[in-house]
Each structure stands twice: as C-alpha cells, then as structure tokens.
Amino acid sequence: MIFETLDIYGHEQVVFCHNKDAGLKAIIAIHNTVLGPALGGTRMWPYKSEAEALNDVLRLSRGMTYKNAVAGLNIGGGKAVIIGNPATDKSEALFRAFGQFVESLGGRYITAEDVGIDVNDMEYVYRETEYVTGVHQVHGGSGDPSPFTAYGSLQGLMATLNRKFGDEDVGKYSYAVQGLGHVGMEYVKLLKERGAKIFVTDINQALVDRAVTEYGAEAVGLDEIYDVPADVYSPCALGGTVNEQTLPRFKFKVICGSANNQLANNEIGDEVVKRGILYAPDYAVNAGGVMNVALELDGYNRERAMRMMRTIYHNLSRIYEISDRDGIPTYRAADRLAEERIEKIGKLKLPLGRGRTRFQGRIRGN
C-alpha cells in the first residue's frame, strides 16, 4: 500500500525515524532531487495517527518540489514531520536524535523550521548535522524564515489583487486570516500597515487577543471564518481548509494565503474556478521562506533575500498567464510551470550537491 502511494506521488525516498529513548517518531520524505538536494522544513504536530502523518509529509514534500521549482531555486523537494505536541513534547534529546537521522542522509535532505518548530529547536538539530537552514545568524544562517514567508505572501497577494481587481491597493480590501502563528501574525501586521480590514481566528486565543489588540483585527470563531464577508480568504495554518464543507459558504472573491495544500483535492480546485473565485496557488505564494533559507547555501545576504521575495509577484503573474494561455485552473498552471522547469533544467544534469561547500566548512558545537 505504501509503495503504491509512493508511485502516485513520485517520491524517491521515505525514511521512518524512531528513537524510543528520545521519544522521537518522525518521517522524512524526499520527493525529487532533479534540481538539487531536497530542501524543506520540519513540522511538529500531534497527528491522530501515523497514517495521517505519512499522508501529510508526502503531500508537503511533493509541494516543496513544485514550490522550489517555481521559485527558480536549484534545489529539490523534501519535508519532515515529527509526531508530537510542540507545546509539551519538545526536548533537546528529541531534536538531536532527529538531527542524527538528517545527517545519515548525507545531504540528500536539508531541513529548516516549519509549523511547531522554531530557531531554538533548530539549534539542537544543528548540533548533530550540517544540513540545516534557518539557524541563528551567529552560525551564518538567516534565523526565523517566517517574516520572509509573510512578505513573500504579500507580494503574491498584490499580484493576485491586480489580476482580480485591476489594482494592488491592499488596503482597499478585507481579509479573513485563518491562523496566527509566526507567519500568520506577521502577515496580519503587513496587512494592517496598509490599512486593511482584517478578520482573524486561531486555536490559540492568546494569539487572537494579540491580533485584536496590536493590529485592530476583528476576532471570529474557528468555524465562523468561512462565513465572513471579506474579499480575500487567507489560510495561514494547516492545509485542506478549502473543501466540500467550507467552499459553499465562501463569499470571498480571492483565496490567497501562506498555508500549504489549501485545496482539499483537485476537484475542489475546479469548483473554485466555477464559482468565480481566483485561487493563488499556495506554494507559489508562500515561497518566501524557502527562498530566504536557500540563500544560506551560497552565503546569506539579507538584501539579496528581500530582492528575491519580490520575484514572487512575477511568478504569480506568470501562472495567471499560463492559466489563460492553456485554459486551465490556476493550480494546474502552477504545476505546469514547475514541471516545465524541472524537465528543462533537469536535462542539464545539475550536480546534486550544489551549494554544499558551506556545509562542509562548518564546525558544529557539541
């Protein structure tokens, strides 16, 4: 059954990581290394089952292949998930054990922060392996990639507003933001700075209170977010929130946010088009974080990173052009753009290890 699933998604390698003493249960999925070593963050989440964790990491790692390709990066796609509650189950031993598994892959997979993980956790992983990005600046890293993901999402939003409404004035429109983690809160901040009306929700009430107090957002219930009369739905938490149950309730004209795998399935993506809603493909919108950490492979420069974020606007515009050209939904147009690049650049046979020189030069602390 697992190998049949891998055939469908096209993965190269899936590694199950277990260390009883450290309490580690994790899965690393390497989807594609045609363009370079697989880079993608590690997510920590209290999955209800191992099957749910496996399905998530397979979808997320495939998404990273397409995200990295559309972003113009010379890296492949991978992802990791750690099964556990990030509020109660973190420990030095857990992350160092995970780092040992990353190290065992010899650079085929390079990790970074994702949901439930922060730069402090990556410090422990970094003690066991060189193949980590998003580490603290003292190690030559770029730190937390969340602000870059949010800023890149803003660039994607502006391109999408221009496509749908003919202007880029973020403050003219209203937003339903679901999820107020590191990226979601930064995204709300950017919207507020531009004068936008914002509705917010999150499972963490303290984060909702902060968004209301600091950014003047209006709080709504977890389920009520799908009913608010906003122009844009911005999912910034987990995936699959655009589905058969929620889509009929949408009054939104645009879907644009930082969450991965926002569409529950392709059929929902087709239905979004029928309803006249413009969907900004998630992995094109939220590529800012991986763009930022990918620069660490060649020597990090913040100014260069900020310039790279602005290419997300161009990438979204290109996707909309392909959608028009080929008469296909935007989610298929994004896939087509990624697949065309993988095929063309893959024929050049770029060396798998491009960018490893910095890793080889590191001296890790113990």
Protein backbone atom coordinates (compact mmCIF):
# COMPACT_ATOMS: atom_id res chain seq x y z
CA MET A 1 0.00 0.00 0.00
CA ILE A 2 2.80 2.42 0.90
CA PHE A 3 4.72 1.72 -2.31
CA GLU A 4 1.54 2.25 -4.34
CA THR A 5 1.15 5.64 -2.67
CA LEU A 6 4.78 6.50 -3.43
CA ASP A 7 4.17 5.59 -7.08
CA ILE A 8 1.27 8.05 -7.20
CA TYR A 9 3.23 10.92 -5.64
CA GLY A 10 6.55 10.02 -7.29
CA HIS A 11 8.78 10.02 -4.19
CA GLU A 12 12.38 8.89 -4.27
CA GLN A 13 12.80 8.01 -0.61
CA VAL A 14 10.82 7.94 2.65
CA VAL A 15 12.61 7.43 5.96
CA PHE A 16 10.85 6.46 9.20
CA CYS A 17 12.83 7.74 12.19
CA HIS A 18 12.41 6.23 15.67
CA ASN A 19 14.34 6.73 18.88
CA LYS A 20 12.48 5.37 21.89
CA ASP A 21 14.77 6.97 24.48
CA ALA A 22 14.34 10.43 22.95
CA GLY A 23 10.64 9.95 22.27
CA LEU A 24 11.19 10.57 18.57
CA LYS A 25 8.74 9.42 15.93
CA ALA A 26 9.38 11.20 12.66
CA ILE A 27 9.13 10.74 8.91
CA ILE A 28 11.43 12.31 6.31
CA ALA A 29 10.15 12.32 2.73
CA ILE A 30 12.43 13.11 -0.22
CA HIS A 31 10.25 13.72 -3.25
CA ASN A 32 12.57 14.85 -6.03
CA THR A 33 16.27 15.75 -6.32
CA VAL A 34 16.46 16.50 -10.06
CA LEU A 35 17.25 20.18 -9.47
CA GLY A 36 19.39 19.61 -6.37
CA PRO A 37 19.27 18.29 -2.78
CA ALA A 38 15.80 18.19 -1.25
CA LEU A 39 15.12 21.19 0.97
CA GLY A 40 12.03 21.60 3.12
CA GLY A 41 11.09 22.31 6.70
CA THR A 42 10.30 20.02 9.61
CA ARG A 43 6.80 20.20 11.06
CA MET A 44 5.89 19.08 14.59
CA TRP A 45 2.23 18.24 15.07
CA PRO A 46 0.09 15.90 17.26
CA TYR A 47 -1.15 13.77 14.37
CA LYS A 48 -4.06 11.47 15.22
CA SER A 49 -2.36 8.53 13.52
CA GLU A 50 0.85 7.54 11.78
CA ALA A 51 -1.11 7.24 8.54
CA GLU A 52 -2.19 10.88 8.86
CA ALA A 53 1.42 11.94 9.45
CA LEU A 54 2.60 9.95 6.43
CA ASN A 55 -0.06 11.44 4.17
CA ASP A 56 0.86 14.95 5.33
CA VAL A 57 4.60 14.54 4.77
CA LEU A 58 4.06 13.02 1.32
CA ARG A 59 1.83 15.89 0.21
CA LEU A 60 4.07 18.54 1.78
CA SER A 61 7.30 17.16 0.27
CA ARG A 62 5.76 16.98 -3.20
CA GLY A 63 4.61 20.55 -2.73
CA MET A 64 8.18 21.56 -1.90
CA THR A 65 9.42 20.17 -5.21
CA TYR A 66 6.93 22.33 -7.07
CA LYS A 67 7.47 25.33 -4.79
CA ASN A 68 11.24 25.27 -5.22
CA ALA A 69 10.95 24.79 -8.98
CA VAL A 70 8.51 27.69 -9.46
CA ALA A 71 10.67 29.86 -7.19
CA GLY A 72 13.61 29.34 -9.56
CA LEU A 73 15.79 27.60 -6.98
CA ASN A 74 18.37 24.91 -7.74
CA ILE A 75 17.07 22.59 -5.04
CA GLY A 76 14.66 19.70 -4.93
CA GLY A 77 11.75 18.99 -2.63
CA GLY A 78 11.54 17.24 0.71
CA LYS A 79 9.82 17.57 4.06
CA ALA A 80 9.84 16.06 7.54
CA VAL A 81 7.22 15.66 10.23
CA ILE A 82 7.72 14.89 13.91
CA ILE A 83 4.74 13.31 15.63
CA GLY A 84 4.19 15.13 18.92
CA ASN A 85 2.70 18.13 20.63
CA PRO A 86 5.02 21.14 20.16
CA ALA A 87 3.69 22.65 23.39
CA THR A 88 4.61 19.70 25.61
CA ASP A 89 6.83 17.16 23.82
CA LYS A 90 9.91 19.13 22.80
CA SER A 91 13.32 18.26 24.24
CA GLU A 92 16.98 18.58 23.39
CA ALA A 93 17.26 14.80 23.04
CA LEU A 94 14.35 14.62 20.60
CA PHE A 95 15.76 17.22 18.23
CA ARG A 96 19.31 15.92 18.43
CA ALA A 97 18.06 12.42 17.65
CA PHE A 98 16.21 13.84 14.68
CA GLY A 99 19.37 15.66 13.59
CA GLN A 100 21.23 12.35 13.53
CA PHE A 101 18.71 10.94 11.08
CA VAL A 102 19.07 14.02 8.86
CA GLU A 103 22.85 13.61 8.97
CA SER A 104 22.55 9.96 7.96
CA LEU A 105 21.10 11.02 4.61
CA GLY A 106 24.40 12.68 3.68
CA GLY A 107 22.94 15.90 2.32
CA ARG A 108 20.11 14.47 0.22
CA TYR A 109 17.75 16.27 2.61
CA ILE A 110 18.30 19.73 4.13
CA THR A 111 15.89 20.79 6.87
CA ALA A 112 14.53 24.07 8.29
CA GLU A 113 11.72 25.34 10.53
CA ASP A 114 8.07 24.74 9.80
CA VAL A 115 4.85 24.63 11.85
CA GLY A 116 5.55 23.88 15.50
CA ILE A 117 9.31 24.40 15.16
CA ASP A 118 11.39 27.49 15.90
CA VAL A 119 15.01 28.59 15.55
CA ASN A 120 15.81 27.36 19.07
CA ASP A 121 14.76 23.83 18.12
CA MET A 122 16.93 24.03 15.02
CA GLU A 123 19.90 24.84 17.22
CA TYR A 124 19.67 21.33 18.70
CA VAL A 125 19.28 19.74 15.25
CA TYR A 126 22.30 21.74 14.10
CA ARG A 127 24.47 20.16 16.79
CA GLU A 128 24.10 16.81 15.03
CA THR A 129 24.09 17.77 11.35
CA GLU A 130 25.34 20.40 8.96
CA TYR A 131 22.27 20.04 6.75
CA VAL A 132 20.15 22.68 8.47
CA THR A 133 19.00 26.10 7.27
CA GLY A 134 17.20 28.80 9.20
CA VAL A 135 19.71 28.59 12.04
CA HIS A 136 20.74 31.60 14.08
CA GLN A 137 22.73 34.36 12.42
CA VAL A 138 25.79 33.61 14.56
CA HIS A 139 26.19 30.41 12.54
CA GLY A 140 25.89 32.21 9.22
CA GLY A 141 22.18 31.46 9.00
CA SER A 142 19.20 33.72 8.40
CA GLY A 143 17.20 32.93 11.52
CA ASP A 144 13.42 32.56 11.53
CA PRO A 145 12.13 32.44 7.91
CA SER A 146 8.56 33.41 8.90
CA PRO A 147 8.85 37.16 8.19
CA PHE A 148 10.12 36.36 4.71
CA THR A 149 7.28 33.94 4.08
CA ALA A 150 4.82 36.64 5.12
CA TYR A 151 6.47 39.33 3.00
CA GLY A 152 6.57 36.99 0.01
CA SER A 153 2.89 36.18 0.57
CA LEU A 154 2.18 39.91 0.41
CA GLN A 155 3.88 40.06 -2.99
CA GLY A 156 1.73 37.17 -4.19
CA LEU A 157 -1.35 38.89 -2.80
CA MET A 158 -0.60 42.09 -4.69
CA ALA A 159 -0.20 40.20 -7.96
CA THR A 160 -3.48 38.41 -7.30
CA LEU A 161 -5.39 41.58 -6.42
CA ASN A 162 -4.10 43.14 -9.61
CA ARG A 163 -5.29 40.11 -11.53
CA LYS A 164 -8.75 40.08 -9.95
CA PHE A 165 -9.49 43.75 -9.37
CA GLY A 166 -7.01 45.63 -11.56
CA ASP A 167 -5.04 47.29 -8.74
CA GLU A 168 -2.55 46.42 -5.99
CA ASP A 169 -4.04 48.54 -3.20
CA VAL A 170 -4.02 46.06 -0.34
CA GLY A 171 -5.76 48.50 1.99
CA LYS A 172 -8.88 48.72 -0.20
CA TYR A 173 -9.87 45.14 0.57
CA SER A 174 -10.84 42.99 3.54
CA TYR A 175 -9.25 39.73 4.66
CA ALA A 176 -10.22 36.62 6.59
CA VAL A 177 -6.97 35.31 8.06
CA GLN A 178 -7.08 31.79 9.45
CA GLY A 179 -4.08 31.01 11.63
CA LEU A 180 -1.92 33.40 13.64
CA GLY A 181 1.35 31.54 14.02
CA HIS A 182 4.71 33.06 13.15
CA VAL A 183 3.75 33.64 9.52
CA GLY A 184 0.08 34.46 10.02
CA MET A 185 0.73 37.12 12.63
CA GLU A 186 3.42 38.75 10.51
CA TYR A 187 1.03 38.69 7.54
CA VAL A 188 -1.66 40.42 9.64
CA LYS A 189 0.90 43.05 10.61
CA LEU A 190 1.70 43.73 6.95
CA LEU A 191 -2.00 43.99 6.08
CA LYS A 192 -2.62 46.39 8.97
CA GLU A 193 0.29 48.61 7.91
CA ARG A 194 -1.53 49.05 4.60
CA GLY A 195 -4.84 49.93 6.25
CA ALA A 196 -6.76 46.73 5.56
CA LYS A 197 -9.83 45.42 7.36
CA ILE A 198 -8.91 42.07 8.93
CA PHE A 199 -10.91 39.20 10.46
CA VAL A 200 -8.85 36.62 12.37
CA THR A 201 -9.20 33.25 14.04
CA ASP A 202 -6.84 30.74 15.66
CA ILE A 203 -6.99 27.77 18.03
CA ASN A 204 -4.80 29.81 20.41
CA GLN A 205 -6.96 32.51 21.98
CA ALA A 206 -3.91 34.44 23.20
CA LEU A 207 -2.80 34.95 19.61
CA VAL A 208 -6.27 36.13 18.63
CA ASP A 209 -6.24 38.62 21.52
CA ARG A 210 -2.86 39.90 20.38
CA ALA A 211 -4.06 40.43 16.81
CA VAL A 212 -7.08 42.33 18.09
CA THR A 213 -5.06 44.50 20.49
CA GLU A 214 -2.00 45.23 18.36
CA TYR A 215 -3.46 45.26 14.85
CA GLY A 216 -7.11 46.15 15.31
CA ALA A 217 -8.35 42.89 13.84
CA GLU A 218 -11.85 41.56 14.43
CA ALA A 219 -11.97 38.15 16.09
CA VAL A 220 -14.32 35.43 14.86
CA GLY A 221 -14.82 31.79 15.80
CA LEU A 222 -12.85 28.94 14.28
CA ASP A 223 -15.79 27.85 12.12
CA GLU A 224 -17.18 31.34 11.54
CA ILE A 225 -14.13 32.41 9.49
CA TYR A 226 -15.64 30.75 6.41
CA ASP A 227 -18.75 32.94 6.58
CA VAL A 228 -17.30 36.44 7.00
CA PRO A 229 -18.00 38.95 4.21
CA ALA A 230 -14.36 39.54 3.28
CA ASP A 231 -12.84 39.94 -0.17
CA VAL A 232 -9.92 37.58 0.45
CA TYR A 233 -9.63 34.32 2.34
CA SER A 234 -6.08 33.92 3.65
CA PRO A 235 -5.45 30.46 5.12
CA CYS A 236 -2.23 30.61 7.15
CA ALA A 237 -2.49 27.44 9.23
CA LEU A 238 -2.83 23.81 8.16
CA GLY A 239 -4.00 22.63 4.75
CA GLY A 240 -7.25 21.34 3.31
CA THR A 241 -9.48 24.16 4.57
CA VAL A 242 -10.93 24.79 1.10
CA ASN A 243 -13.12 21.71 0.88
CA GLU A 244 -16.60 20.43 0.17
CA GLN A 245 -17.93 21.67 3.51
CA THR A 246 -16.40 25.15 3.50
CA LEU A 247 -16.40 26.25 -0.13
CA PRO A 248 -20.21 26.60 -0.48
CA ARG A 249 -20.09 29.11 2.38
CA PHE A 250 -17.47 31.38 0.81
CA LYS A 251 -18.34 34.95 -0.07
CA PHE A 252 -14.69 35.56 -0.88
CA LYS A 253 -13.56 36.60 -4.34
CA VAL A 254 -9.92 35.56 -3.81
CA ILE A 255 -8.08 32.77 -1.97
CA CYS A 256 -4.52 33.79 -1.13
CA GLY A 257 -2.58 32.76 1.95
CA SER A 258 0.57 31.13 3.29
CA ALA A 259 -0.75 27.67 4.23
CA ASN A 260 0.36 24.60 2.28
CA ASN A 261 -2.07 22.33 0.41
CA GLN A 262 -5.02 24.68 0.81
CA LEU A 263 -7.23 22.79 -1.65
CA ALA A 264 -8.57 19.53 -0.25
CA ASN A 265 -8.31 17.97 -3.71
CA ASN A 266 -8.19 18.85 -7.41
CA GLU A 267 -11.97 18.63 -7.75
CA ILE A 268 -12.29 21.43 -5.21
CA GLY A 269 -9.81 23.45 -7.26
CA ASP A 270 -12.04 23.04 -10.29
CA GLU A 271 -15.09 24.06 -8.27
CA VAL A 272 -13.29 27.20 -7.08
CA VAL A 273 -12.97 28.25 -10.73
CA LYS A 274 -16.67 27.58 -11.40
CA ARG A 275 -17.59 29.84 -8.51
CA GLY A 276 -15.57 32.71 -9.96
CA ILE A 277 -13.04 32.74 -7.13
CA LEU A 278 -9.40 33.40 -8.02
CA TYR A 279 -7.07 30.95 -6.30
CA ALA A 280 -3.45 31.98 -5.83
CA PRO A 281 -1.53 28.65 -5.83
CA ASP A 282 -0.22 28.21 -2.31
CA TYR A 283 3.29 27.01 -3.00
CA ALA A 284 3.93 29.95 -5.32
CA VAL A 285 2.61 32.42 -2.74
CA ASN A 286 4.41 31.05 0.33
CA ALA A 287 7.84 30.51 -1.27
CA GLY A 288 9.45 33.44 0.56
CA GLY A 289 10.66 31.36 3.48
CA VAL A 290 12.37 28.73 1.37
CA MET A 291 13.82 31.39 -0.94
CA ASN A 292 15.36 33.02 2.11
CA VAL A 293 16.89 29.90 3.65
CA ALA A 294 18.05 28.63 0.24
CA LEU A 295 20.35 31.64 0.05
CA GLU A 296 22.24 30.20 3.02
CA LEU A 297 23.60 27.51 0.72
CA ASP A 298 25.73 30.09 -1.10
CA GLY A 299 26.32 32.56 1.73
CA TYR A 300 23.43 34.55 3.18
CA ASN A 301 22.70 38.19 2.34
CA ARG A 302 19.52 39.82 3.66
CA GLU A 303 19.30 42.48 0.95
CA ARG A 304 19.54 39.81 -1.73
CA ALA A 305 16.83 37.86 0.08
CA MET A 306 14.43 40.82 0.06
CA ARG A 307 15.01 41.35 -3.65
CA MET A 308 14.29 37.68 -4.29
CA MET A 309 10.97 37.91 -2.40
CA ARG A 310 9.71 40.35 -4.98
CA THR A 311 10.05 37.75 -7.75
CA ILE A 312 7.00 36.04 -6.23
CA TYR A 313 4.87 38.77 -7.80
CA HIS A 314 6.29 37.89 -11.21
CA ASN A 315 5.83 34.15 -10.59
CA LEU A 316 2.13 34.59 -9.79
CA SER A 317 1.64 36.79 -12.85
CA ARG A 318 3.28 34.10 -14.98
CA ILE A 319 0.98 31.43 -13.54
CA TYR A 320 -2.08 33.51 -14.41
CA GLU A 321 -0.75 33.94 -17.94
CA ILE A 322 -0.35 30.17 -18.31
CA SER A 323 -3.86 29.67 -16.94
CA ASP A 324 -5.20 31.93 -19.67
CA ARG A 325 -2.95 30.52 -22.38
CA ASP A 326 -3.82 26.89 -21.76
CA GLY A 327 -7.36 27.33 -20.46
CA ILE A 328 -6.65 25.55 -17.17
CA PRO A 329 -7.25 26.34 -13.46
CA THR A 330 -4.52 28.27 -11.71
CA TYR A 331 -3.49 25.30 -9.57
CA ARG A 332 -2.79 23.30 -12.73
CA ALA A 333 -0.99 26.26 -14.29
CA ALA A 334 1.38 26.42 -11.31
CA ASP A 335 2.10 22.70 -11.63
CA ARG A 336 2.75 23.11 -15.33
CA LEU A 337 5.22 25.94 -14.73
CA ALA A 338 7.08 23.80 -12.17
CA GLU A 339 7.10 20.66 -14.31
CA GLU A 340 8.38 22.53 -17.36
CA ARG A 341 11.30 23.92 -15.37
CA ILE A 342 12.17 20.57 -13.77
CA GLU A 343 12.19 18.93 -17.18
CA LYS A 344 14.28 21.62 -18.89
CA ILE A 345 16.80 22.23 -16.13
CA GLY A 346 16.95 18.55 -15.24
CA LYS A 347 18.31 17.82 -18.69
CA LEU A 348 21.33 19.95 -17.84
CA LYS A 349 22.14 17.41 -15.11
CA LEU A 350 22.96 19.96 -12.42
CA PRO A 351 25.17 18.34 -9.78
CA LEU A 352 23.19 17.04 -6.82
CA GLY A 353 25.49 18.57 -4.27
CA ARG A 354 25.46 22.19 -5.49
CA GLY A 355 25.69 24.52 -2.52
CA ARG A 356 27.22 22.03 -0.07
CA THR A 357 30.55 23.83 0.25
CA ARG A 358 29.29 26.00 3.06
CA PHE A 359 28.05 22.96 4.96
CA GLN A 360 31.36 21.20 4.56
CA GLY A 361 33.11 24.20 6.07
CA ARG A 362 31.01 24.37 9.21
CA ILE A 363 32.24 23.43 12.66
CA ARG A 364 29.37 22.34 14.87
CA GLY A 365 29.13 22.86 18.60
CA ASN A 366 28.52 19.87 20.90
